[in-house]
Amino acid sequence: MTRRAFHVSDIVEILMHWHAGRRMAVVARSLGVDRGTVSKYVAPAKAAGLAPGGPPLSRSQWAALVREWFPELVDPRHRSPTHDAINAHRAQIAEMLRTNTVTTVHQRLRDERGLRVGLTSFRRYVWREFPEDRARQLATPPRPEVPPGEEGQIDYEFLGTWFDPALERLRRVWAFVMVLAHSRHMFVRPVLKMDSRAWVAAHVAAFSFFGGAPRRLVTENVPRHIFGLLLPGGLCGR
């Protein structure tokens, strides 16, 4: 089962229930979490000398304590397993971004420095650690104007997680994005899988949405297994 992601507000809810005098088993059952999770988030409150039935704290006071006790909830660097690996190349990344796209920087670090981090995680690092406007500007070098109907640009981006009521678990959701280079009109389709079936269905939906197809398609951040569809003899080459 996919592990649930907790936010400051979730922990505050647990602590307020516990501090009001409810037993941990009752708190766990009413909030839909296991008792071990309740114990984990209550532990620093106990260590700080707080106890059920004590002087009441406001929601904002609890939130401030939660941010202090669990910094990973508010600072992505504390919870990212890839931050330190990427950050070891920070100076080189800053230098390379002056003349390269984020994708190119990632590829060079992977090939030349042995960086074993996915492109999506690398993008998040760049957007987080460098000013967003500068990163976006550097990641998009000027291009000659593209004539109408000539080019469509395709990308996949991670949207987040969604609770699937049918499977009763969290699922990762991605966005298939197609942008017309001339008009910048955009088509976005959320997908739960990035396989050939979803790839083809997204293209059909995009062409229907635009009322036609551009002369050529340019891909970026596309899963490796999709490239087989783009090669001669693959689905797109037939």
Protein backbone atom coordinates (compact mmCIF):
# COMPACT_ATOMS: atom_id res chain seq x y z
CA MET A 1 0.00 0.00 0.00
CA THR A 2 1.25 3.50 -0.84
CA ARG A 3 2.29 5.42 2.24
CA ARG A 4 0.10 8.40 3.04
CA ALA A 5 1.71 11.83 2.88
CA PHE A 6 1.16 13.92 6.02
CA HIS A 7 0.99 17.70 6.12
CA VAL A 8 1.19 20.15 9.02
CA SER A 9 -2.60 20.36 9.24
CA ASP A 10 -2.85 16.56 9.54
CA ILE A 11 -0.42 16.46 12.46
CA VAL A 12 -2.17 19.39 14.15
CA GLU A 13 -5.43 17.47 13.95
CA ILE A 14 -3.86 14.43 15.59
CA LEU A 15 -2.31 16.49 18.39
CA MET A 16 -5.46 18.47 19.12
CA HIS A 17 -7.49 15.27 19.44
CA TRP A 18 -4.85 13.72 21.69
CA HIS A 19 -4.48 16.87 23.81
CA ALA A 20 -8.25 16.98 24.28
CA GLY A 21 -7.98 13.69 26.16
CA ARG A 22 -8.95 11.13 23.54
CA ARG A 23 -7.15 7.80 23.68
CA MET A 24 -4.66 7.11 20.90
CA ALA A 25 -6.72 4.20 19.58
CA VAL A 26 -9.75 6.48 19.31
CA VAL A 27 -7.72 9.22 17.59
CA ALA A 28 -6.31 6.70 15.11
CA ARG A 29 -9.70 5.26 14.29
CA SER A 30 -11.47 8.61 13.93
CA LEU A 31 -8.75 10.10 11.69
CA GLY A 32 -8.15 6.98 9.62
CA VAL A 33 -4.50 6.41 10.60
CA ASP A 34 -2.77 3.62 12.50
CA ARG A 35 -1.91 3.88 16.18
CA GLY A 36 1.83 3.85 15.47
CA THR A 37 1.44 7.00 13.40
CA VAL A 38 -0.38 8.73 16.24
CA SER A 39 2.37 7.69 18.68
CA LYS A 40 5.05 9.00 16.33
CA TYR A 41 3.56 12.48 16.10
CA VAL A 42 2.56 12.66 19.76
CA ALA A 43 6.05 11.69 21.00
CA PRO A 44 7.67 15.16 20.71
CA ALA A 45 4.67 16.73 22.45
CA LYS A 46 5.17 14.36 25.38
CA ALA A 47 8.91 15.07 25.39
CA ALA A 48 8.10 18.79 25.58
CA GLY A 49 6.05 18.19 28.75
CA LEU A 50 2.61 18.49 27.15
CA ALA A 51 -0.10 16.14 28.33
CA PRO A 52 -3.80 15.52 27.66
CA GLY A 53 -5.99 17.90 29.61
CA GLY A 54 -3.32 20.57 29.88
CA PRO A 55 -3.75 24.27 29.06
CA PRO A 56 -5.36 24.52 25.60
CA LEU A 57 -3.31 25.60 22.58
CA SER A 58 -4.70 27.26 19.48
CA ARG A 59 -4.43 25.64 16.08
CA SER A 60 -1.77 28.18 15.05
CA GLN A 61 0.26 27.41 18.19
CA TRP A 62 0.12 23.70 17.43
CA ALA A 63 1.11 24.39 13.81
CA ALA A 64 4.17 26.34 14.96
CA LEU A 65 5.22 23.45 17.19
CA VAL A 66 4.71 20.91 14.41
CA ARG A 67 6.91 22.93 12.06
CA GLU A 68 9.61 22.97 14.74
CA TRP A 69 9.35 19.26 15.55
CA PHE A 70 9.00 18.03 11.96
CA PRO A 71 10.94 20.43 9.67
CA GLU A 72 10.70 17.96 6.77
CA LEU A 73 7.00 18.87 6.46
CA VAL A 74 7.79 22.45 5.49
CA ASP A 75 11.27 22.26 3.97
CA PRO A 76 11.48 19.88 0.97
CA ARG A 77 15.23 19.55 1.42
CA HIS A 78 14.71 17.61 4.65
CA ARG A 79 12.45 15.02 3.02
CA SER A 80 14.04 14.71 -0.40
CA PRO A 81 16.20 11.58 -0.65
CA THR A 82 17.91 13.06 -3.73
CA HIS A 83 18.71 16.56 -2.44
CA ASP A 84 22.19 15.83 -1.11
CA ALA A 85 23.22 13.86 -4.19
CA ILE A 86 22.25 16.74 -6.50
CA ASN A 87 23.47 19.48 -4.17
CA ALA A 88 27.00 18.06 -4.34
CA HIS A 89 27.07 19.46 -7.92
CA ARG A 90 25.42 22.80 -7.08
CA ALA A 91 28.25 25.05 -8.33
CA GLN A 92 28.53 23.12 -11.59
CA ILE A 93 24.75 23.21 -12.08
CA ALA A 94 24.68 26.99 -11.64
CA GLU A 95 27.47 27.37 -14.21
CA MET A 96 25.94 24.95 -16.73
CA LEU A 97 22.48 26.53 -16.53
CA ARG A 98 23.88 29.68 -18.10
CA THR A 99 24.16 27.99 -21.48
CA ASN A 100 22.21 24.73 -21.18
CA THR A 101 18.66 23.61 -20.56
CA VAL A 102 17.75 21.80 -17.34
CA THR A 103 17.39 18.57 -19.33
CA THR A 104 20.86 18.93 -20.84
CA VAL A 105 22.44 19.69 -17.46
CA HIS A 106 20.82 16.59 -16.00
CA GLN A 107 22.03 14.44 -18.89
CA ARG A 108 25.61 15.72 -18.64
CA LEU A 109 25.77 15.17 -14.89
CA ARG A 110 24.39 11.68 -15.39
CA ASP A 111 26.87 10.79 -18.13
CA GLU A 112 29.94 12.67 -16.89
CA ARG A 113 29.53 12.60 -13.09
CA GLY A 114 27.48 9.44 -12.57
CA LEU A 115 24.51 11.27 -11.03
CA ARG A 116 21.79 8.67 -10.39
CA VAL A 117 18.77 10.93 -10.01
CA GLY A 118 15.68 11.07 -12.23
CA LEU A 119 14.96 14.09 -14.42
CA THR A 120 11.78 14.97 -12.53
CA SER A 121 13.62 15.08 -9.18
CA PHE A 122 16.39 17.12 -10.80
CA ARG A 123 13.87 19.64 -12.18
CA ARG A 124 12.32 20.04 -8.73
CA TYR A 125 15.76 20.71 -7.25
CA VAL A 126 16.53 23.41 -9.84
CA TRP A 127 13.16 25.12 -9.40
CA ARG A 128 13.56 25.00 -5.61
CA GLU A 129 17.20 26.04 -5.26
CA PHE A 130 17.42 28.67 -8.00
CA PRO A 131 15.12 31.66 -8.56
CA GLU A 132 12.22 30.29 -10.58
CA ASP A 133 12.09 33.12 -13.09
CA ARG A 134 15.82 32.81 -13.80
CA ALA A 135 15.69 29.02 -14.03
CA ARG A 136 12.76 29.12 -16.47
CA GLN A 137 14.44 31.80 -18.56
CA LEU A 138 17.70 29.87 -18.75
CA ALA A 139 15.92 26.61 -19.43
CA THR A 140 14.16 28.09 -22.48
CA PRO A 141 16.70 29.58 -24.91
CA PRO A 142 15.33 31.88 -27.62
CA ARG A 143 14.06 30.06 -30.71
CA PRO A 144 13.06 31.29 -34.16
CA GLU A 145 9.32 31.79 -34.51
CA VAL A 146 7.59 28.58 -35.55
CA PRO A 147 4.96 28.86 -38.33
CA PRO A 148 1.33 27.95 -37.46
CA GLY A 149 0.65 24.23 -37.57
CA GLU A 150 4.31 23.34 -37.85
CA GLU A 151 5.23 22.01 -34.39
CA GLY A 152 3.69 20.53 -31.25
CA GLN A 153 5.74 20.10 -28.06
CA ILE A 154 5.05 17.12 -25.79
CA ASP A 155 6.00 16.68 -22.15
CA TYR A 156 5.06 14.66 -19.07
CA GLU A 157 4.94 16.33 -15.65
CA PHE A 158 4.22 14.83 -12.25
CA LEU A 159 1.03 16.30 -10.73
CA GLY A 160 0.93 14.55 -7.35
CA THR A 161 -1.04 11.73 -5.75
CA TRP A 162 -4.77 10.95 -5.87
CA PHE A 163 -6.76 8.63 -3.65
CA ASP A 164 -8.42 6.03 -5.87
CA PRO A 165 -11.72 5.09 -4.17
CA ALA A 166 -12.02 1.92 -6.26
CA LEU A 167 -8.61 0.54 -5.26
CA GLU A 168 -8.61 2.30 -1.86
CA ARG A 169 -5.05 3.52 -2.22
CA LEU A 170 -3.05 6.54 -3.35
CA ARG A 171 -1.95 6.61 -6.97
CA ARG A 172 0.60 8.79 -8.74
CA VAL A 173 -0.91 11.13 -11.35
CA TRP A 174 0.99 12.54 -14.32
CA ALA A 175 0.03 15.16 -16.89
CA PHE A 176 0.46 14.59 -20.60
CA VAL A 177 0.99 18.06 -22.08
CA MET A 178 0.93 19.09 -25.73
CA VAL A 179 1.63 22.74 -26.62
CA LEU A 180 1.35 24.25 -30.10
CA ALA A 181 4.64 26.09 -30.63
CA HIS A 182 3.20 29.04 -32.57
CA SER A 183 0.05 29.91 -30.59
CA ARG A 184 1.12 28.33 -27.26
CA HIS A 185 -2.33 26.77 -27.01
CA MET A 186 -2.12 23.90 -24.55
CA PHE A 187 -3.79 20.53 -24.07
CA VAL A 188 -3.39 18.74 -20.71
CA ARG A 189 -4.60 15.23 -19.91
CA PRO A 190 -4.09 13.61 -16.46
CA VAL A 191 -2.92 9.99 -16.73
CA LEU A 192 -2.36 7.22 -14.19
CA LYS A 193 0.02 5.28 -16.44
CA MET A 194 2.68 6.30 -18.94
CA ASP A 195 2.42 3.28 -21.23
CA SER A 196 1.80 2.99 -24.96
CA ARG A 197 -2.00 2.84 -24.56
CA ALA A 198 -2.07 6.07 -22.53
CA TRP A 199 0.42 7.68 -24.95
CA VAL A 200 -1.73 6.97 -28.01
CA ALA A 201 -5.02 7.88 -26.26
CA ALA A 202 -3.54 11.21 -25.14
CA HIS A 203 -2.45 12.04 -28.71
CA VAL A 204 -5.86 11.20 -30.11
CA ALA A 205 -7.53 13.38 -27.48
CA ALA A 206 -5.08 16.24 -28.13
CA PHE A 207 -5.60 16.17 -31.90
CA SER A 208 -9.36 16.12 -31.37
CA PHE A 209 -9.09 19.07 -28.97
CA PHE A 210 -7.01 21.12 -31.43
CA GLY A 211 -9.05 20.03 -34.44
CA GLY A 212 -5.97 18.79 -36.27
CA ALA A 213 -2.35 17.69 -35.91
CA PRO A 214 0.89 19.70 -36.21
CA ARG A 215 3.38 18.75 -38.93
CA ARG A 216 5.94 17.51 -36.40
CA LEU A 217 6.05 16.63 -32.69
CA VAL A 218 8.96 17.42 -30.35
CA THR A 219 9.22 15.41 -27.14
CA GLU A 220 10.85 16.19 -23.78
CA ASN A 221 10.86 14.34 -20.44
CA VAL A 222 9.28 11.29 -22.09
CA PRO A 223 9.76 7.86 -20.40
CA ARG A 224 12.41 5.65 -21.99
CA HIS A 225 9.98 2.89 -22.90
CA ILE A 226 7.97 5.35 -25.01
CA PHE A 227 10.93 5.98 -27.32
CA GLY A 228 10.37 2.56 -28.87
CA LEU A 229 7.14 3.95 -30.29
CA LEU A 230 9.01 6.81 -31.95
CA LEU A 231 11.63 4.72 -33.74
CA PRO A 232 11.25 3.39 -37.30
CA GLY A 233 9.09 0.29 -37.11
CA GLY A 234 7.57 1.42 -33.83
CA LEU A 235 3.94 2.47 -33.49
CA CYS A 236 4.62 6.02 -34.71
CA GLY A 237 6.75 4.75 -37.58
CA ARG A 238 4.14 2.42 -39.02
